Amino acid sequence: MRQVWAAYSPAARHGAEVTHTLNKGLTSLRAHEECLKGLGQPDFDHELFLEQLAREAGNRMGCRFAVAFAVNTIAG
């Protein structure tokens, strides 16, 4: 492995528009309902959380929704 890409890192300097694919990601999230229950946060709205992150990144990138990430290169 030469790089680690960290989504929504405070050091994010890269991004990808996900306006046309965000719903697919949210559908995938719903398919993992049992895993989410295991996090022990029954009142936390995971879909709203991800949509807000994507909206904020999209605003910075000039689109509706985006994913921001930092690219960390591993020496070696």
C-alpha atoms as a PDB file:
ATOM      1  CA  MET A   1       0.000   0.000   0.000  1.00  0.00           C
ATOM      2  CA  ARG A   2       1.385   3.378  -1.001  1.00  0.00           C
ATOM      3  CA  GLN A   3      -1.425   5.711   0.044  1.00  0.00           C
ATOM      4  CA  VAL A   4      -4.232   5.998   2.555  1.00  0.00           C
ATOM      5  CA  TRP A   5      -7.206   8.125   1.562  1.00  0.00           C
ATOM      6  CA  ALA A   6      -9.062   9.443   4.617  1.00  0.00           C
ATOM      7  CA  ALA A   7     -12.621  10.616   3.938  1.00  0.00           C
ATOM      8  CA  TYR A   8     -13.741  13.869   5.574  1.00  0.00           C
ATOM      9  CA  SER A   9     -10.386  14.391   7.226  1.00  0.00           C
ATOM     10  CA  PRO A  10      -9.805  17.905   8.569  1.00  0.00           C
ATOM     11  CA  ALA A  11      -6.729  17.865   6.315  1.00  0.00           C
ATOM     12  CA  ALA A  12      -8.820  17.086   3.194  1.00  0.00           C
ATOM     13  CA  ARG A  13      -7.419  18.722   0.064  1.00  0.00           C
ATOM     14  CA  HIS A  14      -9.081  16.441  -2.519  1.00  0.00           C
ATOM     15  CA  GLY A  15     -12.635  15.512  -3.362  1.00  0.00           C
ATOM     16  CA  ALA A  16     -14.976  13.695  -5.694  1.00  0.00           C
ATOM     17  CA  GLU A  17     -18.482  14.682  -6.717  1.00  0.00           C
ATOM     18  CA  VAL A  18     -21.107  12.140  -5.595  1.00  0.00           C
ATOM     19  CA  THR A  19     -24.264  14.043  -6.551  1.00  0.00           C
ATOM     20  CA  HIS A  20     -25.480  11.255  -8.839  1.00  0.00           C
ATOM     21  CA  THR A  21     -24.404   8.355  -6.612  1.00  0.00           C
ATOM     22  CA  LEU A  22     -25.138   9.476  -3.046  1.00  0.00           C
ATOM     23  CA  ASN A  23     -28.486   7.646  -3.029  1.00  0.00           C
ATOM     24  CA  LYS A  24     -26.715   4.380  -3.877  1.00  0.00           C
ATOM     25  CA  GLY A  25     -24.452   4.900  -0.881  1.00  0.00           C
ATOM     26  CA  LEU A  26     -27.415   5.598   1.389  1.00  0.00           C
ATOM     27  CA  THR A  27     -29.165   2.475   0.076  1.00  0.00           C
ATOM     28  CA  SER A  28     -26.047   0.473   0.921  1.00  0.00           C
ATOM     29  CA  LEU A  29     -26.012   2.006   4.387  1.00  0.00           C
ATOM     30  CA  ARG A  30     -29.622   0.887   4.938  1.00  0.00           C
ATOM     31  CA  ALA A  31     -28.620  -2.652   3.989  1.00  0.00           C
ATOM     32  CA  HIS A  32     -26.264  -2.672   6.983  1.00  0.00           C
ATOM     33  CA  GLU A  33     -28.950  -1.812   9.531  1.00  0.00           C
ATOM     34  CA  GLU A  34     -27.898  -4.540  11.979  1.00  0.00           C
ATOM     35  CA  CYS A  35     -24.306  -3.287  11.971  1.00  0.00           C
ATOM     36  CA  LEU A  36     -25.504   0.252  12.656  1.00  0.00           C
ATOM     37  CA  LYS A  37     -27.660  -0.966  15.552  1.00  0.00           C
ATOM     38  CA  GLY A  38     -24.535  -2.526  17.028  1.00  0.00           C
ATOM     39  CA  LEU A  39     -22.949   0.916  17.326  1.00  0.00           C
ATOM     40  CA  GLY A  40     -25.239   1.565  20.275  1.00  0.00           C
ATOM     41  CA  GLN A  41     -26.552   4.955  19.082  1.00  0.00           C
ATOM     42  CA  PRO A  42     -30.250   4.335  18.350  1.00  0.00           C
ATOM     43  CA  ASP A  43     -31.112   8.040  18.004  1.00  0.00           C
ATOM     44  CA  PHE A  44     -28.257   8.887  15.630  1.00  0.00           C
ATOM     45  CA  ASP A  45     -29.409   9.502  12.040  1.00  0.00           C
ATOM     46  CA  HIS A  46     -26.600   8.048   9.924  1.00  0.00           C
ATOM     47  CA  GLU A  47     -28.215   9.031   6.632  1.00  0.00           C
ATOM     48  CA  LEU A  48     -28.662  12.654   7.669  1.00  0.00           C
ATOM     49  CA  PHE A  49     -25.091  12.741   8.982  1.00  0.00           C
ATOM     50  CA  LEU A  50     -23.634  11.486   5.683  1.00  0.00           C
ATOM     51  CA  GLU A  51     -25.872  13.752   3.625  1.00  0.00           C
ATOM     52  CA  GLN A  52     -24.763  16.788   5.644  1.00  0.00           C
ATOM     53  CA  LEU A  53     -21.079  15.886   5.221  1.00  0.00           C
ATOM     54  CA  ALA A  54     -21.593  15.414   1.473  1.00  0.00           C
ATOM     55  CA  ARG A  55     -23.520  18.678   1.170  1.00  0.00           C
ATOM     56  CA  GLU A  56     -20.782  20.639   2.993  1.00  0.00           C
ATOM     57  CA  ALA A  57     -18.058  19.103   0.803  1.00  0.00           C
ATOM     58  CA  GLY A  58     -20.205  19.762  -2.281  1.00  0.00           C
ATOM     59  CA  ASN A  59     -20.588  23.415  -1.341  1.00  0.00           C
ATOM     60  CA  ARG A  60     -16.791  23.734  -1.172  1.00  0.00           C
ATOM     61  CA  MET A  61     -16.401  21.996  -4.544  1.00  0.00           C
ATOM     62  CA  GLY A  62     -19.213  23.855  -6.328  1.00  0.00           C
ATOM     63  CA  CYS A  63     -21.597  20.905  -6.682  1.00  0.00           C
ATOM     64  CA  ARG A  64     -24.531  19.485  -4.723  1.00  0.00           C
ATOM     65  CA  PHE A  65     -22.797  16.545  -2.991  1.00  0.00           C
ATOM     66  CA  ALA A  66     -19.145  15.483  -2.744  1.00  0.00           C
ATOM     67  CA  VAL A  67     -16.765  13.438  -0.630  1.00  0.00           C
ATOM     68  CA  ALA A  68     -13.706  15.251   0.655  1.00  0.00           C
ATOM     69  CA  PHE A  69     -10.584  13.291   1.521  1.00  0.00           C
ATOM     70  CA  ALA A  70      -6.946  13.620   2.467  1.00  0.00           C
ATOM     71  CA  VAL A  71      -4.340  11.582   0.586  1.00  0.00           C
ATOM     72  CA  ASN A  72      -1.578  10.353   2.855  1.00  0.00           C
ATOM     73  CA  THR A  73       1.471   8.869   1.168  1.00  0.00           C
ATOM     74  CA  ILE A  74       3.255   6.108   3.011  1.00  0.00           C
ATOM     75  CA  ALA A  75       7.028   6.187   2.845  1.00  0.00           C
ATOM     76  CA  GLY A  76       8.833   3.063   1.852  1.00  0.00           C
END
